[in-house]
Structure formats: C-alpha cells, structure tokens
PDB file of N, CA and C in Angstrom:
ATOM      1  N   MET A   1     -90.554-199.800  75.814  1.00  0.00           N
ATOM      2  CA  MET A   1     -89.387-200.214  75.041  1.00  0.00           C
ATOM      3  C   MET A   1     -88.630-201.287  75.820  1.00  0.00           C
ATOM      4  N   HIS A   2     -88.341-202.357  75.166  1.00  0.00           N
ATOM      5  CA  HIS A   2     -87.666-203.490  75.798  1.00  0.00           C
ATOM      6  C   HIS A   2     -86.177-203.450  75.465  1.00  0.00           C
ATOM      7  N   THR A   3     -85.337-203.466  76.497  1.00  0.00           N
ATOM      8  CA  THR A   3     -83.897-203.539  76.250  1.00  0.00           C
ATOM      9  C   THR A   3     -83.428-204.925  76.666  1.00  0.00           C
ATOM     10  N   SER A   4     -82.713-205.541  75.788  1.00  0.00           N
ATOM     11  CA  SER A   4     -82.236-206.890  76.098  1.00  0.00           C
ATOM     12  C   SER A   4     -80.885-206.810  76.794  1.00  0.00           C
ATOM     13  N   GLN A   5     -80.676-207.744  77.677  1.00  0.00           N
ATOM     14  CA  GLN A   5     -79.403-207.841  78.377  1.00  0.00           C
ATOM     15  C   GLN A   5     -78.396-208.511  77.448  1.00  0.00           C
ATOM     16  N   PRO A   6     -77.138-208.060  77.480  1.00  0.00           N
ATOM     17  CA  PRO A   6     -76.142-208.745  76.652  1.00  0.00           C
ATOM     18  C   PRO A   6     -75.942-210.178  77.152  1.00  0.00           C
ATOM     19  N   GLU A   7     -75.666-211.049  76.217  1.00  0.00           N
ATOM     20  CA  GLU A   7     -75.402-212.442  76.576  1.00  0.00           C
ATOM     21  C   GLU A   7     -74.103-212.524  77.383  1.00  0.00           C
ATOM     22  N   PRO A   8     -74.086-213.326  78.438  1.00  0.00           N
ATOM     23  CA  PRO A   8     -72.815-213.499  79.149  1.00  0.00           C
ATOM     24  C   PRO A   8     -71.830-214.231  78.231  1.00  0.00           C
ATOM     25  N   PRO A   9     -70.545-213.953  78.409  1.00  0.00           N
ATOM     26  CA  PRO A   9     -69.576-214.625  77.545  1.00  0.00           C
ATOM     27  C   PRO A   9     -69.634-216.138  77.739  1.00  0.00           C
ATOM     28  N   ALA A  10     -69.439-216.843  76.653  1.00  0.00           N
ATOM     29  CA  ALA A  10     -69.497-218.303  76.702  1.00  0.00           C
ATOM     30  C   ALA A  10     -68.372-218.854  77.570  1.00  0.00           C
ATOM     31  N   GLN A  11     -68.718-219.864  78.328  1.00  0.00           N
ATOM     32  CA  GLN A  11     -67.729-220.541  79.164  1.00  0.00           C
ATOM     33  C   GLN A  11     -66.827-221.382  78.270  1.00  0.00           C
ATOM     34  N   LEU A  12     -65.552-221.418  78.610  1.00  0.00           N
ATOM     35  CA  LEU A  12     -64.579-222.234  77.885  1.00  0.00           C
ATOM     36  C   LEU A  12     -64.184-223.405  78.779  1.00  0.00           C
ATOM     37  N   THR A  13     -64.515-224.598  78.357  1.00  0.00           N
ATOM     38  CA  THR A  13     -64.199-225.773  79.158  1.00  0.00           C
ATOM     39  C   THR A  13     -62.874-226.366  78.693  1.00  0.00           C
ATOM     40  N   VAL A  14     -61.993-226.604  79.645  1.00  0.00           N
ATOM     41  CA  VAL A  14     -60.690-227.202  79.364  1.00  0.00           C
ATOM     42  C   VAL A  14     -60.575-228.457  80.212  1.00  0.00           C
ATOM     43  N   GLU A  15     -60.268-229.569  79.558  1.00  0.00           N
ATOM     44  CA  GLU A  15     -60.078-230.829  80.284  1.00  0.00           C
ATOM     45  C   GLU A  15     -58.620-230.959  80.696  1.00  0.00           C
ATOM     46  N   ILE A  16     -58.423-231.226  81.978  1.00  0.00           N
ATOM     47  CA  ILE A  16     -57.089-231.303  82.564  1.00  0.00           C
ATOM     48  C   ILE A  16     -56.959-232.640  83.285  1.00  0.00           C
ATOM     49  N   SER A  17     -55.763-233.169  83.259  1.00  0.00           N
ATOM     50  CA  SER A  17     -55.498-234.416  83.974  1.00  0.00           C
ATOM     51  C   SER A  17     -55.745-234.236  85.470  1.00  0.00           C
ATOM     52  N   ARG A  18     -56.408-235.217  86.061  1.00  0.00           N
ATOM     53  CA  ARG A  18     -56.681-235.183  87.497  1.00  0.00           C
ATOM     54  C   ARG A  18     -55.382-235.082  88.307  1.00  0.00           C
ATOM     55  N   ASP A  19     -54.272-235.533  87.738  1.00  0.00           N
ATOM     56  CA  ASP A  19     -52.972-235.444  88.411  1.00  0.00           C
ATOM     57  C   ASP A  19     -52.584-233.993  88.734  1.00  0.00           C
ATOM     58  N   LEU A  20     -53.139-233.043  87.980  1.00  0.00           N
ATOM     59  CA  LEU A  20     -52.785-231.633  88.156  1.00  0.00           C
ATOM     60  C   LEU A  20     -53.809-230.861  88.989  1.00  0.00           C
ATOM     61  N   GLU A  21     -54.773-231.574  89.557  1.00  0.00           N
ATOM     62  CA  GLU A  21     -55.884-230.935  90.258  1.00  0.00           C
ATOM     63  C   GLU A  21     -55.435-230.025  91.406  1.00  0.00           C
ATOM     64  N   ASP A  22     -54.370-230.384  92.087  1.00  0.00           N
ATOM     65  CA  ASP A  22     -53.907-229.576  93.219  1.00  0.00           C
ATOM     66  C   ASP A  22     -53.189-228.301  92.785  1.00  0.00           C
ATOM     67  N   ILE A  23     -52.558-228.317  91.602  1.00  0.00           N
ATOM     68  CA  ILE A  23     -51.738-227.164  91.224  1.00  0.00           C
ATOM     69  C   ILE A  23     -52.366-226.254  90.163  1.00  0.00           C
ATOM     70  N   VAL A  24     -53.351-226.742  89.430  1.00  0.00           N
ATOM     71  CA  VAL A  24     -53.983-225.903  88.398  1.00  0.00           C
ATOM     72  C   VAL A  24     -54.621-224.647  88.991  1.00  0.00           C
ATOM     73  N   PRO A  25     -55.357-224.720  90.110  1.00  0.00           N
ATOM     74  CA  PRO A  25     -55.929-223.484  90.665  1.00  0.00           C
ATOM     75  C   PRO A  25     -54.847-222.451  91.023  1.00  0.00           C
ATOM     76  N   ILE A  26     -53.716-222.917  91.503  1.00  0.00           N
ATOM     77  CA  ILE A  26     -52.605-222.016  91.838  1.00  0.00           C
ATOM     78  C   ILE A  26     -52.054-221.391  90.558  1.00  0.00           C
ATOM     79  N   PHE A  27     -51.882-222.214  89.527  1.00  0.00           N
ATOM     80  CA  PHE A  27     -51.396-221.719  88.241  1.00  0.00           C
ATOM     81  C   PHE A  27     -52.322-220.623  87.705  1.00  0.00           C
ATOM     82  N   LEU A  28     -53.624-220.877  87.710  1.00  0.00           N
ATOM     83  CA  LEU A  28     -54.580-219.902  87.188  1.00  0.00           C
ATOM     84  C   LEU A  28     -54.606-218.639  88.049  1.00  0.00           C
ATOM     85  N   ASP A  29     -54.516-218.787  89.359  1.00  0.00           N
ATOM     86  CA  ASP A  29     -54.490-217.624  90.242  1.00  0.00           C
ATOM     87  C   ASP A  29     -53.246-216.770  89.965  1.00  0.00           C
ATOM     88  N   ASN A  30     -52.127-217.418  89.721  1.00  0.00           N
ATOM     89  CA  ASN A  30     -50.904-216.676  89.402  1.00  0.00           C
ATOM     90  C   ASN A  30     -51.035-215.926  88.083  1.00  0.00           C
ATOM     91  N   ARG A  31     -51.749-216.502  87.111  1.00  0.00           N
ATOM     92  CA  ARG A  31     -51.959-215.792  85.841  1.00  0.00           C
ATOM     93  C   ARG A  31     -52.856-214.572  86.063  1.00  0.00           C
ATOM     94  N   ARG A  32     -53.825-214.704  86.985  1.00  0.00           N
ATOM     95  CA  ARG A  32     -54.672-213.544  87.314  1.00  0.00           C
ATOM     96  C   ARG A  32     -53.826-212.434  87.937  1.00  0.00           C
ATOM     97  N   LYS A  33     -52.891-212.810  88.788  1.00  0.00           N
ATOM     98  CA  LYS A  33     -51.981-211.826  89.385  1.00  0.00           C
ATOM     99  C   LYS A  33     -51.088-211.210  88.302  1.00  0.00           C
ATOM    100  N   ASP A  34     -50.709-212.009  87.309  1.00  0.00           N
ATOM    101  CA  ASP A  34     -49.877-211.496  86.215  1.00  0.00           C
ATOM    102  C   ASP A  34     -50.557-210.349  85.471  1.00  0.00           C
ATOM    103  N   ILE A  35     -51.872-210.375  85.392  1.00  0.00           N
ATOM    104  CA  ILE A  35     -52.596-209.319  84.677  1.00  0.00           C
ATOM    105  C   ILE A  35     -52.273-207.961  85.297  1.00  0.00           C
ATOM    106  N   GLN A  36     -52.292-207.878  86.620  1.00  0.00           N
ATOM    107  CA  GLN A  36     -51.963-206.609  87.282  1.00  0.00           C
ATOM    108  C   GLN A  36     -50.511-206.215  87.021  1.00  0.00           C
ATOM    109  N   THR A  37     -49.611-207.173  87.086  1.00  0.00           N
ATOM    110  CA  THR A  37     -48.197-206.906  86.819  1.00  0.00           C
ATOM    111  C   THR A  37     -48.008-206.426  85.379  1.00  0.00           C
ATOM    112  N   LEU A  38     -48.707-207.070  84.450  1.00  0.00           N
ATOM    113  CA  LEU A  38     -48.601-206.681  83.041  1.00  0.00           C
ATOM    114  C   LEU A  38     -49.125-205.263  82.824  1.00  0.00           C
ATOM    115  N   ARG A  39     -50.232-204.932  83.446  1.00  0.00           N
ATOM    116  CA  ARG A  39     -50.794-203.580  83.296  1.00  0.00           C
ATOM    117  C   ARG A  39     -49.841-202.526  83.868  1.00  0.00           C
ATOM    118  N   GLN A  40     -49.259-202.847  85.007  1.00  0.00           N
ATOM    119  CA  GLN A  40     -48.302-201.921  85.611  1.00  0.00           C
ATOM    120  C   GLN A  40     -47.079-201.770  84.712  1.00  0.00           C
ATOM    121  N   ALA A  41     -46.595-202.880  84.168  1.00  0.00           N
ATOM    122  CA  ALA A  41     -45.438-202.835  83.275  1.00  0.00           C
ATOM    123  C   ALA A  41     -45.750-202.031  82.011  1.00  0.00           C
ATOM    124  N   LEU A  42     -46.965-202.176  81.500  1.00  0.00           N
ATOM    125  CA  LEU A  42     -47.368-201.386  80.336  1.00  0.00           C
ATOM    126  C   LEU A  42     -47.354-199.896  80.661  1.00  0.00           C
ATOM    127  N   ASN A  43     -47.861-199.539  81.817  1.00  0.00           N
ATOM    128  CA  ASN A  43     -47.904-198.129  82.220  1.00  0.00           C
ATOM    129  C   ASN A  43     -46.520-197.507  82.339  1.00  0.00           C
ATOM    130  N   THR A  44     -45.539-198.332  82.701  1.00  0.00           N
ATOM    131  CA  THR A  44     -44.174-197.814  82.881  1.00  0.00           C
ATOM    132  C   THR A  44     -43.255-198.163  81.709  1.00  0.00           C
ATOM    133  N   GLN A  45     -43.848-198.703  80.631  1.00  0.00           N
ATOM    134  CA  GLN A  45     -43.068-199.082  79.438  1.00  0.00           C
ATOM    135  C   GLN A  45     -41.981-200.120  79.773  1.00  0.00           C
ATOM    136  N   ASP A  46     -42.276-200.996  80.733  1.00  0.00           N
ATOM    137  CA  ASP A  46     -41.322-202.038  81.152  1.00  0.00           C
ATOM    138  C   ASP A  46     -41.525-203.275  80.259  1.00  0.00           C
ATOM    139  N   PHE A  47     -41.017-203.187  79.045  1.00  0.00           N
ATOM    140  CA  PHE A  47     -41.220-204.261  78.080  1.00  0.00           C
ATOM    141  C   PHE A  47     -40.445-205.523  78.445  1.00  0.00           C
ATOM    142  N   ARG A  48     -39.390-205.380  79.215  1.00  0.00           N
ATOM    143  CA  ARG A  48     -38.608-206.554  79.636  1.00  0.00           C
ATOM    144  C   ARG A  48     -39.452-207.460  80.538  1.00  0.00           C
ATOM    145  N   THR A  49     -40.169-206.865  81.486  1.00  0.00           N
ATOM    146  CA  THR A  49     -41.038-207.649  82.374  1.00  0.00           C
ATOM    147  C   THR A  49     -42.138-208.324  81.562  1.00  0.00           C
ATOM    148  N   ILE A  50     -42.719-207.599  80.624  1.00  0.00           N
ATOM    149  CA  ILE A  50     -43.782-208.166  79.787  1.00  0.00           C
ATOM    150  C   ILE A  50     -43.234-209.327  78.963  1.00  0.00           C
ATOM    151  N   GLN A  51     -42.046-209.149  78.415  1.00  0.00           N
ATOM    152  CA  GLN A  51     -41.422-210.213  77.626  1.00  0.00           C
ATOM    153  C   GLN A  51     -41.170-211.443  78.489  1.00  0.00           C
ATOM    154  N   THR A  52     -40.686-211.233  79.692  1.00  0.00           N
ATOM    155  CA  THR A  52     -40.409-212.349  80.609  1.00  0.00           C
ATOM    156  C   THR A  52     -41.689-213.098  80.973  1.00  0.00           C
ATOM    157  N   LEU A  53     -42.749-212.353  81.332  1.00  0.00           N
ATOM    158  CA  LEU A  53     -44.009-213.005  81.684  1.00  0.00           C
ATOM    159  C   LEU A  53     -44.610-213.726  80.476  1.00  0.00           C
ATOM    160  N   GLY A  54     -44.547-213.109  79.312  1.00  0.00           N
ATOM    161  CA  GLY A  54     -45.044-213.756  78.092  1.00  0.00           C
ATOM    162  C   GLY A  54     -44.292-215.051  77.819  1.00  0.00           C
ATOM    163  N   HIS A  55     -42.981-215.002  77.968  1.00  0.00           N
ATOM    164  CA  HIS A  55     -42.155-216.195  77.744  1.00  0.00           C
ATOM    165  C   HIS A  55     -42.528-217.307  78.729  1.00  0.00           C
ATOM    166  N   ARG A  56     -42.745-216.935  79.974  1.00  0.00           N
ATOM    167  CA  ARG A  56     -43.109-217.920  81.006  1.00  0.00           C
ATOM    168  C   ARG A  56     -44.468-218.557  80.697  1.00  0.00           C
ATOM    169  N   MET A  57     -45.430-217.723  80.292  1.00  0.00           N
ATOM    170  CA  MET A  57     -46.758-218.259  79.949  1.00  0.00           C
ATOM    171  C   MET A  57     -46.666-219.166  78.725  1.00  0.00           C
ATOM    172  N   LYS A  58     -45.854-218.766  77.763  1.00  0.00           N
ATOM    173  CA  LYS A  58     -45.669-219.581  76.555  1.00  0.00           C
ATOM    174  C   LYS A  58     -45.151-220.960  76.944  1.00  0.00           C
ATOM    175  N   GLY A  59     -44.224-220.998  77.875  1.00  0.00           N
ATOM    176  CA  GLY A  59     -43.629-222.266  78.281  1.00  0.00           C
ATOM    177  C   GLY A  59     -44.507-223.100  79.198  1.00  0.00           C
ATOM    178  N   ASP A  60     -45.237-222.448  80.083  1.00  0.00           N
ATOM    179  CA  ASP A  60     -45.988-223.169  81.113  1.00  0.00           C
ATOM    180  C   ASP A  60     -47.411-223.536  80.712  1.00  0.00           C
ATOM    181  N   GLY A  61     -48.052-222.726  79.891  1.00  0.00           N
ATOM    182  CA  GLY A  61     -49.471-222.913  79.579  1.00  0.00           C
ATOM    183  C   GLY A  61     -49.811-224.303  79.096  1.00  0.00           C
ATOM    184  N   GLY A  62     -49.125-224.759  78.062  1.00  0.00           N
ATOM    185  CA  GLY A  62     -49.402-226.070  77.487  1.00  0.00           C
ATOM    186  C   GLY A  62     -49.141-227.210  78.452  1.00  0.00           C
ATOM    187  N   GLY A  63     -48.128-227.062  79.295  1.00  0.00           N
ATOM    188  CA  GLY A  63     -47.799-228.092  80.269  1.00  0.00           C
ATOM    189  C   GLY A  63     -48.914-228.317  81.275  1.00  0.00           C
ATOM    190  N   PHE A  64     -49.710-227.280  81.498  1.00  0.00           N
ATOM    191  CA  PHE A  64     -50.846-227.382  82.396  1.00  0.00           C
ATOM    192  C   PHE A  64     -52.134-227.684  81.643  1.00  0.00           C
ATOM    193  N   GLY A  65     -52.047-227.729  80.316  1.00  0.00           N
ATOM    194  CA  GLY A  65     -53.225-228.028  79.508  1.00  0.00           C
ATOM    195  C   GLY A  65     -53.946-226.797  78.977  1.00  0.00           C
ATOM    196  N   PHE A  66     -53.329-225.638  79.107  1.00  0.00           N
ATOM    197  CA  PHE A  66     -53.951-224.393  78.658  1.00  0.00           C
ATOM    198  C   PHE A  66     -53.218-223.860  77.420  1.00  0.00           C
ATOM    199  N   ASP A  67     -53.544-224.435  76.280  1.00  0.00           N
ATOM    200  CA  ASP A  67     -52.884-224.022  75.041  1.00  0.00           C
ATOM    201  C   ASP A  67     -53.135-222.550  74.730  1.00  0.00           C
ATOM    202  N   ARG A  68     -54.300-222.042  75.108  1.00  0.00           N
ATOM    203  CA  ARG A  68     -54.619-220.630  74.832  1.00  0.00           C
ATOM    204  C   ARG A  68     -53.672-219.712  75.601  1.00  0.00           C
ATOM    205  N   ILE A  69     -53.299-220.072  76.810  1.00  0.00           N
ATOM    206  CA  ILE A  69     -52.344-219.265  77.573  1.00  0.00           C
ATOM    207  C   ILE A  69     -50.983-219.298  76.889  1.00  0.00           C
ATOM    208  N   THR A  70     -50.599-220.445  76.347  1.00  0.00           N
ATOM    209  CA  THR A  70     -49.347-220.542  75.594  1.00  0.00           C
ATOM    210  C   THR A  70     -49.381-219.605  74.389  1.00  0.00           C
ATOM    211  N   GLU A  71     -50.489-219.612  73.654  1.00  0.00           N
ATOM    212  CA  GLU A  71     -50.617-218.755  72.473  1.00  0.00           C
ATOM    213  C   GLU A  71     -50.531-217.277  72.842  1.00  0.00           C
ATOM    214  N   ILE A  72     -51.258-216.883  73.874  1.00  0.00           N
ATOM    215  CA  ILE A  72     -51.251-215.489  74.298  1.00  0.00           C
ATOM    216  C   ILE A  72     -49.856-215.094  74.777  1.00  0.00           C
ATOM    217  N   GLY A  73     -49.220-215.967  75.549  1.00  0.00           N
ATOM    218  CA  GLY A  73     -47.877-215.682  76.053  1.00  0.00           C
ATOM    219  C   GLY A  73     -46.875-215.493  74.930  1.00  0.00           C
ATOM    220  N   ALA A  74     -46.935-216.354  73.920  1.00  0.00           N
ATOM    221  CA  ALA A  74     -46.009-216.247  72.784  1.00  0.00           C
ATOM    222  C   ALA A  74     -46.227-214.932  72.040  1.00  0.00           C
ATOM    223  N   ALA A  75     -47.483-214.587  71.814  1.00  0.00           N
ATOM    224  CA  ALA A  75     -47.797-213.341  71.107  1.00  0.00           C
ATOM    225  C   ALA A  75     -47.370-212.126  71.941  1.00  0.00           C
ATOM    226  N   MET A  76     -47.562-212.214  73.235  1.00  0.00           N
ATOM    227  CA  MET A  76     -47.173-211.117  74.117  1.00  0.00           C
ATOM    228  C   MET A  76     -45.654-210.945  74.138  1.00  0.00           C
ATOM    229  N   GLU A  77     -44.938-212.061  74.162  1.00  0.00           N
ATOM    230  CA  GLU A  77     -43.476-212.004  74.143  1.00  0.00           C
ATOM    231  C   GLU A  77     -42.992-211.327  72.858  1.00  0.00           C
ATOM    232  N   ARG A  78     -43.575-211.711  71.711  1.00  0.00           N
ATOM    233  CA  ARG A  78     -43.188-211.084  70.431  1.00  0.00           C
ATOM    234  C   ARG A  78     -43.485-209.587  70.435  1.00  0.00           C
ATOM    235  N   ALA A  79     -44.667-209.222  70.913  1.00  0.00           N
ATOM    236  CA  ALA A  79     -45.056-207.811  70.944  1.00  0.00           C
ATOM    237  C   ALA A  79     -44.151-207.005  71.881  1.00  0.00           C
ATOM    238  N   ALA A  80     -43.729-207.596  72.984  1.00  0.00           N
ATOM    239  CA  ALA A  80     -42.841-206.903  73.920  1.00  0.00           C
ATOM    240  C   ALA A  80     -41.477-206.657  73.287  1.00  0.00           C
ATOM    241  N   LYS A  81     -40.992-207.615  72.524  1.00  0.00           N
ATOM    242  CA  LYS A  81     -39.707-207.422  71.827  1.00  0.00           C
ATOM    243  C   LYS A  81     -39.782-206.242  70.864  1.00  0.00           C
ATOM    244  N   LEU A  82     -40.967-206.031  70.293  1.00  0.00           N
ATOM    245  CA  LEU A  82     -41.181-204.924  69.354  1.00  0.00           C
ATOM    246  C   LEU A  82     -41.636-203.641  70.063  1.00  0.00           C
ATOM    247  N   GLU A  83     -41.820-203.727  71.384  1.00  0.00           N
ATOM    248  CA  GLU A  83     -42.327-202.616  72.188  1.00  0.00           C
ATOM    249  C   GLU A  83     -43.645-202.087  71.622  1.00  0.00           C
ATOM    250  N   ASP A  84     -44.509-203.024  71.254  1.00  0.00           N
ATOM    251  CA  ASP A  84     -45.807-202.720  70.639  1.00  0.00           C
ATOM    252  C   ASP A  84     -46.879-202.641  71.732  1.00  0.00           C
ATOM    253  N   HIS A  85     -47.022-201.456  72.284  1.00  0.00           N
ATOM    254  CA  HIS A  85     -47.917-201.217  73.423  1.00  0.00           C
ATOM    255  C   HIS A  85     -49.354-201.655  73.134  1.00  0.00           C
ATOM    256  N   ALA A  86     -49.899-201.259  71.983  1.00  0.00           N
ATOM    257  CA  ALA A  86     -51.303-201.557  71.661  1.00  0.00           C
ATOM    258  C   ALA A  86     -51.553-203.057  71.556  1.00  0.00           C
ATOM    259  N   THR A  87     -50.632-203.779  70.931  1.00  0.00           N
ATOM    260  CA  THR A  87     -50.793-205.223  70.780  1.00  0.00           C
ATOM    261  C   THR A  87     -50.688-205.920  72.136  1.00  0.00           C
ATOM    262  N   ILE A  88     -49.765-205.487  72.959  1.00  0.00           N
ATOM    263  CA  ILE A  88     -49.633-206.067  74.299  1.00  0.00           C
ATOM    264  C   ILE A  88     -50.931-205.860  75.077  1.00  0.00           C
ATOM    265  N   GLU A  89     -51.472-204.661  74.989  1.00  0.00           N
ATOM    266  CA  GLU A  89     -52.712-204.362  75.691  1.00  0.00           C
ATOM    267  C   GLU A  89     -53.836-205.307  75.250  1.00  0.00           C
ATOM    268  N   GLN A  90     -53.924-205.587  73.959  1.00  0.00           N
ATOM    269  CA  GLN A  90     -54.933-206.515  73.451  1.00  0.00           C
ATOM    270  C   GLN A  90     -54.723-207.924  74.009  1.00  0.00           C
ATOM    271  N   HIS A  91     -53.476-208.342  74.115  1.00  0.00           N
ATOM    272  CA  HIS A  91     -53.191-209.676  74.648  1.00  0.00           C
ATOM    273  C   HIS A  91     -53.506-209.760  76.143  1.00  0.00           C
ATOM    274  N   VAL A  92     -53.290-208.685  76.865  1.00  0.00           N
ATOM    275  CA  VAL A  92     -53.652-208.667  78.295  1.00  0.00           C
ATOM    276  C   VAL A  92     -55.169-208.817  78.427  1.00  0.00           C
ATOM    277  N   ILE A  93     -55.907-208.119  77.573  1.00  0.00           N
ATOM    278  CA  ILE A  93     -57.375-208.231  77.587  1.00  0.00           C
ATOM    279  C   ILE A  93     -57.801-209.653  77.235  1.00  0.00           C
ATOM    280  N   GLN A  94     -57.142-210.263  76.261  1.00  0.00           N
ATOM    281  CA  GLN A  94     -57.465-211.645  75.877  1.00  0.00           C
ATOM    282  C   GLN A  94     -57.189-212.604  77.027  1.00  0.00           C
ATOM    283  N   LEU A  95     -56.080-212.412  77.708  1.00  0.00           N
ATOM    284  CA  LEU A  95     -55.745-213.271  78.847  1.00  0.00           C
ATOM    285  C   LEU A  95     -56.788-213.113  79.952  1.00  0.00           C
ATOM    286  N   GLU A  96     -57.149-211.882  80.252  1.00  0.00           N
ATOM    287  CA  GLU A  96     -58.145-211.627  81.283  1.00  0.00           C
ATOM    288  C   GLU A  96     -59.488-212.268  80.914  1.00  0.00           C
ATOM    289  N   ASP A  97     -59.889-212.131  79.667  1.00  0.00           N
ATOM    290  CA  ASP A  97     -61.136-212.729  79.194  1.00  0.00           C
ATOM    291  C   ASP A  97     -61.092-214.252  79.317  1.00  0.00           C
ATOM    292  N   PHE A  98     -59.986-214.851  78.893  1.00  0.00           N
ATOM    293  CA  PHE A  98     -59.838-216.300  78.991  1.00  0.00           C
ATOM    294  C   PHE A  98     -59.964-216.749  80.447  1.00  0.00           C
ATOM    295  N   LEU A  99     -59.279-216.067  81.345  1.00  0.00           N
ATOM    296  CA  LEU A  99     -59.292-216.462  82.754  1.00  0.00           C
ATOM    297  C   LEU A  99     -60.670-216.309  83.384  1.00  0.00           C
ATOM    298  N   LYS A 100     -61.443-215.342  82.923  1.00  0.00           N
ATOM    299  CA  LYS A 100     -62.806-215.163  83.443  1.00  0.00           C
ATOM    300  C   LYS A 100     -63.733-216.270  82.961  1.00  0.00           C
ATOM    301  N   ARG A 101     -63.482-216.778  81.771  1.00  0.00           N
ATOM    302  CA  ARG A 101     -64.418-217.729  81.157  1.00  0.00           C
ATOM    303  C   ARG A 101     -64.020-219.190  81.298  1.00  0.00           C
ATOM    304  N   VAL A 102     -62.777-219.476  81.635  1.00  0.00           N
ATOM    305  CA  VAL A 102     -62.313-220.857  81.646  1.00  0.00           C
ATOM    306  C   VAL A 102     -62.960-221.642  82.788  1.00  0.00           C
ATOM    307  N   ALA A 103     -63.369-222.848  82.458  1.00  0.00           N
ATOM    308  CA  ALA A 103     -63.882-223.802  83.440  1.00  0.00           C
ATOM    309  C   ALA A 103     -63.084-225.089  83.282  1.00  0.00           C
ATOM    310  N   VAL A 104     -62.510-225.546  84.367  1.00  0.00           N
ATOM    311  CA  VAL A 104     -61.655-226.726  84.311  1.00  0.00           C
ATOM    312  C   VAL A 104     -62.452-227.965  84.689  1.00  0.00           C
ATOM    313  N   VAL A 105     -62.296-229.006  83.877  1.00  0.00           N
ATOM    314  CA  VAL A 105     -62.875-230.308  84.153  1.00  0.00           C
ATOM    315  C   VAL A 105     -61.721-231.287  84.278  1.00  0.00           C
ATOM    316  N   TYR A 106     -61.657-231.975  85.398  1.00  0.00           N
ATOM    317  CA  TYR A 106     -60.555-232.925  85.631  1.00  0.00           C
ATOM    318  C   TYR A 106     -60.982-234.313  85.182  1.00  0.00           C
ATOM    319  N   LYS A 107     -60.125-234.941  84.415  1.00  0.00           N
ATOM    320  CA  LYS A 107     -60.398-236.294  83.877  1.00  0.00           C
ATOM    321  C   LYS A 107     -59.422-237.291  84.443  1.00  0.00           C
TER     322      LYS A 107
END
C-alpha cells in the first residue's frame, strides 16, 4: 500500500522595496514573537493585548509591504473587541501560516 506525503504548503512570494531590506527581517521576527504573546493572551482572556497587537499589525503590515498581515491584524482587532476567542484563534493560525510560507524578494 502506497501512502502519499502531503504537499508542502505553497510558498508566498512578496516583493519588497530594497530600501527595507535591513528592517523587514526584524519586522517578520517580531511578528513571529507576537504569535506566542497572542497565544498567551488568548489563554488568559487578555483581549486588550490582542486588540493592541492586532491594531499594530493592521497599521504596520502594509507599510512594510505585507498586506496580508494588515488584513489579519484588522480582523484580529475586530474579534478582540468582540472577545471572540475562536475567531482570534483562527487569525493567529493564519498569521503563523503566513509567516511560515512567506518568501521576501527585494526589488
């Protein structure tokens, strides 16, 4: 019996201005750190922290060329205002997935 391996998730290529080459890796690393903070905040029902981080991602994502981070941040901020635990959890998973798959190309 042959079992097939699941396909690896598709890479997401994002083109970023070469002017941001020094700070984009730091920005992305900070978003990876945010995932742990968001999970901890979810565990303690700290919706204020989630709302703040979502708002920050909404504002910063597009400026760095990551529109998907802006979208996730905006949705997370809305869900935190509603204290919607399940929706926030889905957005954290989406953010984590995006960060695992994103590949930056500097132009």
